[in-house]
Amino acid sequence: MLKALSPRVYYMEHVQETDRPALGLIVGENYSIAVDAGNSPAHASLFLEQATALTQSPIEFVVITHWHWDHVFGIRTMNCHSISHFETKEKIAIMTTQDWDDASLDERVVTGEEISFCSEMIKKEMPVRDDLILKVPDITFTQTMTLDLGGITAVIDHVGGVHAPDSSIVYVPQEHIVFVGDCLYQDFYSGEWSYDLQAFQVLVDKLLRYEARWYVLGHQHPKTKEDFTAFVQEILTIGELVGQAESLHDVQAVYEQAYGHEPSEDEREWMRNFIAGNHKKRNAQA
């Protein structure tokens, strides 16, 4: 079921088993908008069924936060005007030329165009993809776009990030809620999953400038401003600890000396991510 963050803003929870991201519903007096289109026609249909039961205000637009499959495969099913950053549209246009059967997915994993995790999730969410039709967004913007829904506005801002440089967020100033999509997550598509400390700091600074009570992340439960700040600070602390290091063993030793205990599994993963980012920088400079 869609859950309320305020009387006019709702979200559908993420589903880890098939990588369904959280979807959003912002309800205005004149019309409503969806945030992201879901990872399949079935996902989009379920969202629409629940959303239309909540409001008489028609869903006129769906805002796409970035180009990854799990946020765009339901665009056609949403059956409304779609909005994205212009780079998102360019990426989705390429996706419309690709085949999505098992053999094609497997081939793209081998060539590095696709990652095995996404391939596995696509097959799990949609065992049969014969009727999958992708659709490019109808409307694009470059930096920011504001929609007046009637009594409430949605501000769409391009924020970037290493996960997908086209990433955008949707901010509802009257309700102090930000849909951040996946912009805070790692770079999955250029070898080892990685973070870049400077890029992450720039992104965090952008996100914390919003007057927000809630941050809705693509694949986690919504976080209060306090919890969100603590979450990103945890990652930043690890990134600063890693610095320019390229050895997980050395970083863990520094951590244990500083804190008197071993890092958690999440902290170890972030260490690997920042170290991988350092490797990529070194290789790019070589």
C-alpha atoms as a PDB file:
ATOM      1  CA  MET A   1       0.000   0.000   0.000  1.00  0.00           C
ATOM      2  CA  LEU A   2       1.045   3.595  -0.553  1.00  0.00           C
ATOM      3  CA  LYS A   3       2.079   5.193   2.726  1.00  0.00           C
ATOM      4  CA  ALA A   4       1.535   8.830   3.664  1.00  0.00           C
ATOM      5  CA  LEU A   5       4.418  11.147   4.520  1.00  0.00           C
ATOM      6  CA  SER A   6       1.934  14.017   4.633  1.00  0.00           C
ATOM      7  CA  PRO A   7      -1.718  14.472   3.616  1.00  0.00           C
ATOM      8  CA  ARG A   8      -0.553  15.266   0.069  1.00  0.00           C
ATOM      9  CA  VAL A   9       2.577  13.144  -0.391  1.00  0.00           C
ATOM     10  CA  TYR A  10       2.747   9.353  -0.478  1.00  0.00           C
ATOM     11  CA  TYR A  11       5.267   6.685  -1.354  1.00  0.00           C
ATOM     12  CA  MET A  12       5.229   3.024  -2.318  1.00  0.00           C
ATOM     13  CA  GLU A  13       7.942   1.093  -0.498  1.00  0.00           C
ATOM     14  CA  HIS A  14      10.901  -0.457  -2.290  1.00  0.00           C
ATOM     15  CA  VAL A  15      11.002  -4.236  -2.720  1.00  0.00           C
ATOM     16  CA  GLN A  16      14.487  -5.671  -2.363  1.00  0.00           C
ATOM     17  CA  GLU A  17      13.695  -9.116  -3.783  1.00  0.00           C
ATOM     18  CA  THR A  18      13.176  -7.843  -7.338  1.00  0.00           C
ATOM     19  CA  ASP A  19      14.857  -4.425  -6.977  1.00  0.00           C
ATOM     20  CA  ARG A  20      11.630  -2.437  -7.132  1.00  0.00           C
ATOM     21  CA  PRO A  21      12.480   1.143  -6.126  1.00  0.00           C
ATOM     22  CA  ALA A  22      10.288   3.376  -3.991  1.00  0.00           C
ATOM     23  CA  LEU A  23       7.774   5.353  -6.054  1.00  0.00           C
ATOM     24  CA  GLY A  24       6.189   8.656  -5.082  1.00  0.00           C
ATOM     25  CA  LEU A  25       2.792  10.328  -5.407  1.00  0.00           C
ATOM     26  CA  ILE A  26       2.367  14.084  -4.972  1.00  0.00           C
ATOM     27  CA  VAL A  27      -1.273  15.192  -4.887  1.00  0.00           C
ATOM     28  CA  GLY A  28      -2.340  18.665  -5.968  1.00  0.00           C
ATOM     29  CA  GLU A  29      -5.752  20.289  -6.186  1.00  0.00           C
ATOM     30  CA  ASN A  30      -5.620  20.300  -9.999  1.00  0.00           C
ATOM     31  CA  TYR A  31      -3.560  17.217 -10.761  1.00  0.00           C
ATOM     32  CA  SER A  32      -1.061  14.777  -9.265  1.00  0.00           C
ATOM     33  CA  ILE A  33       2.360  13.510 -10.321  1.00  0.00           C
ATOM     34  CA  ALA A  34       4.197  10.230  -9.871  1.00  0.00           C
ATOM     35  CA  VAL A  35       7.880  10.055  -9.029  1.00  0.00           C
ATOM     36  CA  ASP A  36       9.518   7.308 -11.114  1.00  0.00           C
ATOM     37  CA  ALA A  37       7.707   4.763 -13.241  1.00  0.00           C
ATOM     38  CA  GLY A  38       8.695   1.451 -11.668  1.00  0.00           C
ATOM     39  CA  ASN A  39      10.766  -1.501 -12.809  1.00  0.00           C
ATOM     40  CA  SER A  40       8.051  -3.257 -14.830  1.00  0.00           C
ATOM     41  CA  PRO A  41       4.558  -2.789 -16.215  1.00  0.00           C
ATOM     42  CA  ALA A  42       3.280  -4.816 -13.237  1.00  0.00           C
ATOM     43  CA  HIS A  43       5.005  -2.477 -10.776  1.00  0.00           C
ATOM     44  CA  ALA A  44       3.575   0.593 -12.517  1.00  0.00           C
ATOM     45  CA  SER A  45       0.093  -0.952 -12.662  1.00  0.00           C
ATOM     46  CA  LEU A  46       0.107  -1.732  -8.948  1.00  0.00           C
ATOM     47  CA  PHE A  47       1.158   1.836  -8.187  1.00  0.00           C
ATOM     48  CA  LEU A  48      -1.581   3.287 -10.388  1.00  0.00           C
ATOM     49  CA  GLU A  49      -4.227   1.056  -8.819  1.00  0.00           C
ATOM     50  CA  GLN A  50      -3.330   2.249  -5.337  1.00  0.00           C
ATOM     51  CA  ALA A  51      -2.763   5.876  -6.328  1.00  0.00           C
ATOM     52  CA  THR A  52      -6.134   6.273  -8.056  1.00  0.00           C
ATOM     53  CA  ALA A  53      -7.847   4.864  -4.982  1.00  0.00           C
ATOM     54  CA  LEU A  54      -6.274   7.627  -2.885  1.00  0.00           C
ATOM     55  CA  THR A  55      -7.133  10.715  -4.880  1.00  0.00           C
ATOM     56  CA  GLN A  56      -9.589  12.123  -7.410  1.00  0.00           C
ATOM     57  CA  SER A  57      -6.837  14.376  -8.734  1.00  0.00           C
ATOM     58  CA  PRO A  58      -5.657  12.790 -12.017  1.00  0.00           C
ATOM     59  CA  ILE A  59      -2.025  11.753 -12.445  1.00  0.00           C
ATOM     60  CA  GLU A  60      -0.903  13.976 -15.317  1.00  0.00           C
ATOM     61  CA  PHE A  61       2.880  13.515 -15.150  1.00  0.00           C
ATOM     62  CA  VAL A  62       5.521  11.019 -14.089  1.00  0.00           C
ATOM     63  CA  VAL A  63       8.960  12.409 -13.228  1.00  0.00           C
ATOM     64  CA  ILE A  64      11.886  10.085 -13.976  1.00  0.00           C
ATOM     65  CA  THR A  65      14.823  10.557 -11.597  1.00  0.00           C
ATOM     66  CA  HIS A  66      17.420   8.787 -13.800  1.00  0.00           C
ATOM     67  CA  TRP A  67      17.771   6.323 -16.650  1.00  0.00           C
ATOM     68  CA  HIS A  68      18.301   2.970 -14.881  1.00  0.00           C
ATOM     69  CA  TRP A  69      15.896   0.182 -15.868  1.00  0.00           C
ATOM     70  CA  ASP A  70      14.191  -0.138 -12.495  1.00  0.00           C
ATOM     71  CA  HIS A  71      12.936   3.447 -12.706  1.00  0.00           C
ATOM     72  CA  VAL A  72      11.851   3.529 -16.367  1.00  0.00           C
ATOM     73  CA  PHE A  73      10.399   0.187 -17.486  1.00  0.00           C
ATOM     74  CA  GLY A  74       6.910   1.307 -16.391  1.00  0.00           C
ATOM     75  CA  ILE A  75       6.802   4.634 -18.271  1.00  0.00           C
ATOM     76  CA  ARG A  76       4.476   3.376 -21.002  1.00  0.00           C
ATOM     77  CA  THR A  77       2.139   1.766 -18.459  1.00  0.00           C
ATOM     78  CA  MET A  78       1.894   5.021 -16.497  1.00  0.00           C
ATOM     79  CA  ASN A  79       0.101   6.414 -19.564  1.00  0.00           C
ATOM     80  CA  CYS A  80       0.757  10.074 -18.777  1.00  0.00           C
ATOM     81  CA  HIS A  81       3.226  12.779 -19.771  1.00  0.00           C
ATOM     82  CA  SER A  82       6.756  11.884 -18.655  1.00  0.00           C
ATOM     83  CA  ILE A  83       9.443  14.358 -17.579  1.00  0.00           C
ATOM     84  CA  SER A  84      13.184  13.860 -17.204  1.00  0.00           C
ATOM     85  CA  HIS A  85      16.569  15.531 -17.488  1.00  0.00           C
ATOM     86  CA  PHE A  86      17.661  15.682 -21.134  1.00  0.00           C
ATOM     87  CA  GLU A  87      20.510  13.219 -20.480  1.00  0.00           C
ATOM     88  CA  THR A  88      18.002  10.759 -19.028  1.00  0.00           C
ATOM     89  CA  LYS A  89      16.009  10.908 -22.258  1.00  0.00           C
ATOM     90  CA  GLU A  90      19.170  10.299 -24.306  1.00  0.00           C
ATOM     91  CA  LYS A  91      19.998   7.197 -22.266  1.00  0.00           C
ATOM     92  CA  ILE A  92      16.465   5.809 -22.471  1.00  0.00           C
ATOM     93  CA  ALA A  93      16.447   6.420 -26.239  1.00  0.00           C
ATOM     94  CA  ILE A  94      19.428   4.065 -26.496  1.00  0.00           C
ATOM     95  CA  MET A  95      17.621   1.501 -24.341  1.00  0.00           C
ATOM     96  CA  THR A  96      14.656   1.505 -26.743  1.00  0.00           C
ATOM     97  CA  THR A  97      16.963   0.172 -29.470  1.00  0.00           C
ATOM     98  CA  GLN A  98      18.105  -2.793 -27.369  1.00  0.00           C
ATOM     99  CA  ASP A  99      16.600  -6.251 -27.006  1.00  0.00           C
ATOM    100  CA  TRP A 100      15.647  -7.409 -23.507  1.00  0.00           C
ATOM    101  CA  ASP A 101      15.415 -11.189 -23.883  1.00  0.00           C
ATOM    102  CA  ASP A 102      17.663 -13.396 -21.744  1.00  0.00           C
ATOM    103  CA  ALA A 103      20.255 -13.971 -24.460  1.00  0.00           C
ATOM    104  CA  SER A 104      20.610 -10.244 -25.177  1.00  0.00           C
ATOM    105  CA  LEU A 105      20.922  -9.433 -21.478  1.00  0.00           C
ATOM    106  CA  ASP A 106      23.559 -12.143 -21.031  1.00  0.00           C
ATOM    107  CA  GLU A 107      25.523 -10.805 -23.993  1.00  0.00           C
ATOM    108  CA  ARG A 108      25.505  -7.255 -22.640  1.00  0.00           C
ATOM    109  CA  VAL A 109      26.735  -8.518 -19.262  1.00  0.00           C
ATOM    110  CA  VAL A 110      29.689 -10.151 -21.046  1.00  0.00           C
ATOM    111  CA  THR A 111      30.503  -6.949 -22.951  1.00  0.00           C
ATOM    112  CA  GLY A 112      30.150  -4.818 -19.812  1.00  0.00           C
ATOM    113  CA  GLU A 113      27.177  -2.829 -21.110  1.00  0.00           C
ATOM    114  CA  GLU A 114      25.000  -4.347 -18.381  1.00  0.00           C
ATOM    115  CA  ILE A 115      25.821  -5.582 -14.884  1.00  0.00           C
ATOM    116  CA  SER A 116      24.961  -9.059 -13.689  1.00  0.00           C
ATOM    117  CA  PHE A 117      22.937  -7.801 -10.700  1.00  0.00           C
ATOM    118  CA  CYS A 118      20.549  -5.845 -12.947  1.00  0.00           C
ATOM    119  CA  SER A 119      20.292  -8.725 -15.404  1.00  0.00           C
ATOM    120  CA  GLU A 120      19.329 -11.091 -12.592  1.00  0.00           C
ATOM    121  CA  MET A 121      16.750  -8.685 -11.186  1.00  0.00           C
ATOM    122  CA  ILE A 122      15.184  -8.028 -14.593  1.00  0.00           C
ATOM    123  CA  LYS A 123      14.752 -11.765 -15.128  1.00  0.00           C
ATOM    124  CA  LYS A 124      13.298 -12.158 -11.639  1.00  0.00           C
ATOM    125  CA  GLU A 125      10.860  -9.254 -11.921  1.00  0.00           C
ATOM    126  CA  MET A 126       9.864 -10.096 -15.494  1.00  0.00           C
ATOM    127  CA  PRO A 127      10.481 -13.742 -16.427  1.00  0.00           C
ATOM    128  CA  VAL A 128       8.758 -12.990 -19.736  1.00  0.00           C
ATOM    129  CA  ARG A 129       9.533  -9.726 -21.547  1.00  0.00           C
ATOM    130  CA  ASP A 130       7.923 -10.318 -24.918  1.00  0.00           C
ATOM    131  CA  ASP A 131       5.523  -7.378 -24.508  1.00  0.00           C
ATOM    132  CA  LEU A 132       7.983  -4.958 -22.853  1.00  0.00           C
ATOM    133  CA  ILE A 133       7.946  -1.639 -24.725  1.00  0.00           C
ATOM    134  CA  LEU A 134      10.167   1.182 -23.527  1.00  0.00           C
ATOM    135  CA  LYS A 135       9.157   4.801 -23.982  1.00  0.00           C
ATOM    136  CA  VAL A 136      11.335   7.907 -23.975  1.00  0.00           C
ATOM    137  CA  PRO A 137      10.246  10.853 -21.814  1.00  0.00           C
ATOM    138  CA  ASP A 138       8.016  13.460 -23.443  1.00  0.00           C
ATOM    139  CA  ILE A 139       9.414  16.579 -21.738  1.00  0.00           C
ATOM    140  CA  THR A 140      12.996  17.406 -20.751  1.00  0.00           C
ATOM    141  CA  PHE A 141      14.796  20.099 -18.777  1.00  0.00           C
ATOM    142  CA  THR A 142      18.434  21.045 -18.165  1.00  0.00           C
ATOM    143  CA  GLN A 143      18.826  22.323 -14.595  1.00  0.00           C
ATOM    144  CA  THR A 144      15.496  22.805 -12.835  1.00  0.00           C
ATOM    145  CA  MET A 145      11.767  22.705 -13.510  1.00  0.00           C
ATOM    146  CA  THR A 146       8.819  23.593 -11.278  1.00  0.00           C
ATOM    147  CA  LEU A 147       5.314  22.144 -11.558  1.00  0.00           C
ATOM    148  CA  ASP A 148       2.344  23.889  -9.935  1.00  0.00           C
ATOM    149  CA  LEU A 149      -0.097  21.098  -9.078  1.00  0.00           C
ATOM    150  CA  GLY A 150      -2.601  23.403  -7.425  1.00  0.00           C
ATOM    151  CA  GLY A 151      -1.923  24.313  -3.803  1.00  0.00           C
ATOM    152  CA  ILE A 152       1.381  22.452  -3.910  1.00  0.00           C
ATOM    153  CA  THR A 153       4.467  22.545  -6.124  1.00  0.00           C
ATOM    154  CA  ALA A 154       7.069  20.000  -7.203  1.00  0.00           C
ATOM    155  CA  VAL A 155      10.567  21.291  -7.899  1.00  0.00           C
ATOM    156  CA  ILE A 156      12.665  19.002 -10.103  1.00  0.00           C
ATOM    157  CA  ASP A 157      16.407  19.665  -9.774  1.00  0.00           C
ATOM    158  CA  HIS A 158      19.274  17.995 -11.589  1.00  0.00           C
ATOM    159  CA  VAL A 159      21.872  17.019  -8.951  1.00  0.00           C
ATOM    160  CA  GLY A 160      24.108  14.441 -10.684  1.00  0.00           C
ATOM    161  CA  GLY A 161      26.289  12.035  -8.704  1.00  0.00           C
ATOM    162  CA  VAL A 162      28.422   9.025  -9.585  1.00  0.00           C
ATOM    163  CA  HIS A 163      25.500   6.565  -9.566  1.00  0.00           C
ATOM    164  CA  ALA A 164      24.030   8.241 -12.648  1.00  0.00           C
ATOM    165  CA  PRO A 165      25.233  11.696 -13.766  1.00  0.00           C
ATOM    166  CA  ASP A 166      21.727  12.476 -15.062  1.00  0.00           C
ATOM    167  CA  SER A 167      20.176  12.044 -11.592  1.00  0.00           C
ATOM    168  CA  SER A 168      17.465  14.470 -10.524  1.00  0.00           C
ATOM    169  CA  ILE A 169      15.500  14.917  -7.303  1.00  0.00           C
ATOM    170  CA  VAL A 170      11.921  16.049  -6.675  1.00  0.00           C
ATOM    171  CA  TYR A 171      11.400  18.524  -3.836  1.00  0.00           C
ATOM    172  CA  VAL A 172       8.008  19.426  -2.371  1.00  0.00           C
ATOM    173  CA  PRO A 173       8.685  22.672  -0.461  1.00  0.00           C
ATOM    174  CA  GLN A 174       5.241  22.984   1.149  1.00  0.00           C
ATOM    175  CA  GLU A 175       5.599  19.536   2.709  1.00  0.00           C
ATOM    176  CA  HIS A 176       9.402  19.634   3.194  1.00  0.00           C
ATOM    177  CA  ILE A 177       9.903  16.293   1.425  1.00  0.00           C
ATOM    178  CA  VAL A 178      12.632  15.311  -1.051  1.00  0.00           C
ATOM    179  CA  PHE A 179      12.526  12.290  -3.353  1.00  0.00           C
ATOM    180  CA  VAL A 180      16.227  11.649  -3.966  1.00  0.00           C
ATOM    181  CA  GLY A 181      15.976   8.561  -6.174  1.00  0.00           C
ATOM    182  CA  ASP A 182      19.291   6.693  -6.339  1.00  0.00           C
ATOM    183  CA  CYS A 183      21.652   9.656  -6.597  1.00  0.00           C
ATOM    184  CA  LEU A 184      23.504   8.798  -3.369  1.00  0.00           C
ATOM    185  CA  TYR A 185      24.393   5.267  -4.423  1.00  0.00           C
ATOM    186  CA  GLN A 186      27.615   3.959  -5.921  1.00  0.00           C
ATOM    187  CA  ASP A 187      28.800   3.938  -9.525  1.00  0.00           C
ATOM    188  CA  PHE A 188      27.767   0.464 -10.727  1.00  0.00           C
ATOM    189  CA  TYR A 189      28.558   0.744 -14.428  1.00  0.00           C
ATOM    190  CA  SER A 190      32.315   1.298 -14.707  1.00  0.00           C
ATOM    191  CA  GLY A 191      33.927  -1.761 -13.180  1.00  0.00           C
ATOM    192  CA  GLU A 192      34.050  -2.215  -9.414  1.00  0.00           C
ATOM    193  CA  TRP A 193      31.287  -0.431  -7.526  1.00  0.00           C
ATOM    194  CA  SER A 194      32.827   2.840  -6.400  1.00  0.00           C
ATOM    195  CA  TYR A 195      32.489   6.206  -4.720  1.00  0.00           C
ATOM    196  CA  ASP A 196      34.409   9.411  -5.309  1.00  0.00           C
ATOM    197  CA  LEU A 197      34.829  11.376  -2.072  1.00  0.00           C
ATOM    198  CA  GLN A 198      34.812  14.846  -3.609  1.00  0.00           C
ATOM    199  CA  ALA A 199      31.785  14.120  -5.796  1.00  0.00           C
ATOM    200  CA  PHE A 200      29.928  12.589  -2.855  1.00  0.00           C
ATOM    201  CA  GLN A 201      30.628  15.620  -0.665  1.00  0.00           C
ATOM    202  CA  VAL A 202      29.360  17.993  -3.367  1.00  0.00           C
ATOM    203  CA  LEU A 203      26.170  15.949  -3.725  1.00  0.00           C
ATOM    204  CA  VAL A 204      25.559  15.767   0.028  1.00  0.00           C
ATOM    205  CA  ASP A 205      26.015  19.528   0.342  1.00  0.00           C
ATOM    206  CA  LYS A 206      23.339  20.024  -2.345  1.00  0.00           C
ATOM    207  CA  LEU A 207      20.856  17.669  -0.696  1.00  0.00           C
ATOM    208  CA  LEU A 208      21.239  19.093   2.790  1.00  0.00           C
ATOM    209  CA  ARG A 209      20.411  22.592   1.554  1.00  0.00           C
ATOM    210  CA  TYR A 210      16.770  21.668   1.076  1.00  0.00           C
ATOM    211  CA  GLU A 211      14.431  22.493   3.957  1.00  0.00           C
ATOM    212  CA  ALA A 212      13.340  18.891   4.347  1.00  0.00           C
ATOM    213  CA  ARG A 213      11.670  16.812   7.016  1.00  0.00           C
ATOM    214  CA  TRP A 214      11.816  13.609   4.973  1.00  0.00           C
ATOM    215  CA  TYR A 215      14.165  12.175   2.350  1.00  0.00           C
ATOM    216  CA  VAL A 216      12.777   9.320   0.253  1.00  0.00           C
ATOM    217  CA  LEU A 217      15.555   7.088  -1.093  1.00  0.00           C
ATOM    218  CA  GLY A 218      15.109   4.720  -3.992  1.00  0.00           C
ATOM    219  CA  HIS A 219      16.014   1.492  -2.237  1.00  0.00           C
ATOM    220  CA  GLN A 220      15.771   2.243   1.476  1.00  0.00           C
ATOM    221  CA  HIS A 221      13.076   3.336   3.867  1.00  0.00           C
ATOM    222  CA  PRO A 222      12.432   7.108   4.034  1.00  0.00           C
ATOM    223  CA  LYS A 223      14.684   8.955   6.450  1.00  0.00           C
ATOM    224  CA  THR A 224      14.042  11.969   8.633  1.00  0.00           C
ATOM    225  CA  LYS A 225      16.400  14.917   8.159  1.00  0.00           C
ATOM    226  CA  GLU A 226      18.277  13.815  11.279  1.00  0.00           C
ATOM    227  CA  ASP A 227      18.623  10.197  10.137  1.00  0.00           C
ATOM    228  CA  PHE A 228      19.519  11.215   6.598  1.00  0.00           C
ATOM    229  CA  THR A 229      22.241  13.543   7.833  1.00  0.00           C
ATOM    230  CA  ALA A 230      23.664  10.799  10.056  1.00  0.00           C
ATOM    231  CA  PHE A 231      23.538   8.302   7.169  1.00  0.00           C
ATOM    232  CA  VAL A 232      25.471  10.450   4.708  1.00  0.00           C
ATOM    233  CA  GLN A 233      27.916  11.492   7.428  1.00  0.00           C
ATOM    234  CA  GLU A 234      28.707   7.823   8.082  1.00  0.00           C
ATOM    235  CA  ILE A 235      29.666   7.376   4.445  1.00  0.00           C
ATOM    236  CA  LEU A 236      31.646  10.625   4.393  1.00  0.00           C
ATOM    237  CA  THR A 237      33.547   9.606   7.518  1.00  0.00           C
ATOM    238  CA  ILE A 238      34.631   6.380   5.838  1.00  0.00           C
ATOM    239  CA  GLY A 239      35.568   8.250   2.678  1.00  0.00           C
ATOM    240  CA  GLU A 240      37.721  10.669   4.652  1.00  0.00           C
ATOM    241  CA  LEU A 241      39.310   7.761   6.517  1.00  0.00           C
ATOM    242  CA  VAL A 242      40.158   6.060   3.222  1.00  0.00           C
ATOM    243  CA  GLY A 243      41.605   9.258   1.776  1.00  0.00           C
ATOM    244  CA  GLN A 244      43.916   8.286  -1.091  1.00  0.00           C
ATOM    245  CA  ALA A 245      44.508   4.749   0.234  1.00  0.00           C
ATOM    246  CA  GLU A 246      44.294   1.783  -2.109  1.00  0.00           C
ATOM    247  CA  SER A 247      44.587  -1.079   0.399  1.00  0.00           C
ATOM    248  CA  LEU A 248      41.577  -2.371   2.335  1.00  0.00           C
ATOM    249  CA  HIS A 249      43.874  -4.005   4.895  1.00  0.00           C
ATOM    250  CA  ASP A 250      45.591  -0.692   5.648  1.00  0.00           C
ATOM    251  CA  VAL A 251      42.303   1.208   5.923  1.00  0.00           C
ATOM    252  CA  GLN A 252      40.791  -1.380   8.275  1.00  0.00           C
ATOM    253  CA  ALA A 253      43.891  -1.173  10.476  1.00  0.00           C
ATOM    254  CA  VAL A 254      43.534   2.617  10.695  1.00  0.00           C
ATOM    255  CA  TYR A 255      39.829   2.234  11.515  1.00  0.00           C
ATOM    256  CA  GLU A 256      40.458  -0.298  14.283  1.00  0.00           C
ATOM    257  CA  GLN A 257      43.161   1.870  15.800  1.00  0.00           C
ATOM    258  CA  ALA A 258      40.869   4.904  15.748  1.00  0.00           C
ATOM    259  CA  TYR A 259      37.677   3.233  17.024  1.00  0.00           C
ATOM    260  CA  GLY A 260      38.887   0.199  18.958  1.00  0.00           C
ATOM    261  CA  HIS A 261      36.743  -2.310  17.068  1.00  0.00           C
ATOM    262  CA  GLU A 262      36.330  -3.816  13.627  1.00  0.00           C
ATOM    263  CA  PRO A 263      34.254  -1.965  11.015  1.00  0.00           C
ATOM    264  CA  SER A 264      30.724  -3.121  10.296  1.00  0.00           C
ATOM    265  CA  GLU A 265      29.929  -4.868   7.015  1.00  0.00           C
ATOM    266  CA  ASP A 266      28.418  -1.641   5.637  1.00  0.00           C
ATOM    267  CA  GLU A 267      31.549   0.273   6.596  1.00  0.00           C
ATOM    268  CA  ARG A 268      33.754  -2.355   4.943  1.00  0.00           C
ATOM    269  CA  GLU A 269      31.679  -2.086   1.775  1.00  0.00           C
ATOM    270  CA  TRP A 270      32.043   1.708   1.729  1.00  0.00           C
ATOM    271  CA  MET A 271      35.801   1.287   2.251  1.00  0.00           C
ATOM    272  CA  ARG A 272      35.926  -0.980  -0.806  1.00  0.00           C
ATOM    273  CA  ASN A 273      33.876   1.555  -2.769  1.00  0.00           C
ATOM    274  CA  PHE A 274      36.157   4.519  -2.001  1.00  0.00           C
ATOM    275  CA  ILE A 275      39.271   2.409  -2.608  1.00  0.00           C
ATOM    276  CA  ALA A 276      37.828   1.333  -5.967  1.00  0.00           C
ATOM    277  CA  GLY A 277      37.243   4.998  -6.753  1.00  0.00           C
ATOM    278  CA  ASN A 278      40.898   5.715  -5.975  1.00  0.00           C
ATOM    279  CA  HIS A 279      41.968   2.888  -8.298  1.00  0.00           C
ATOM    280  CA  LYS A 280      39.852   4.346 -11.100  1.00  0.00           C
ATOM    281  CA  LYS A 281      41.370   7.793 -10.604  1.00  0.00           C
ATOM    282  CA  ARG A 282      44.885   6.362 -10.646  1.00  0.00           C
ATOM    283  CA  ASN A 283      44.197   4.368 -13.810  1.00  0.00           C
ATOM    284  CA  ALA A 284      42.663   7.409 -15.508  1.00  0.00           C
ATOM    285  CA  GLN A 285      45.768   9.430 -14.754  1.00  0.00           C
ATOM    286  CA  ALA A 286      48.200   6.721 -15.897  1.00  0.00           C
END
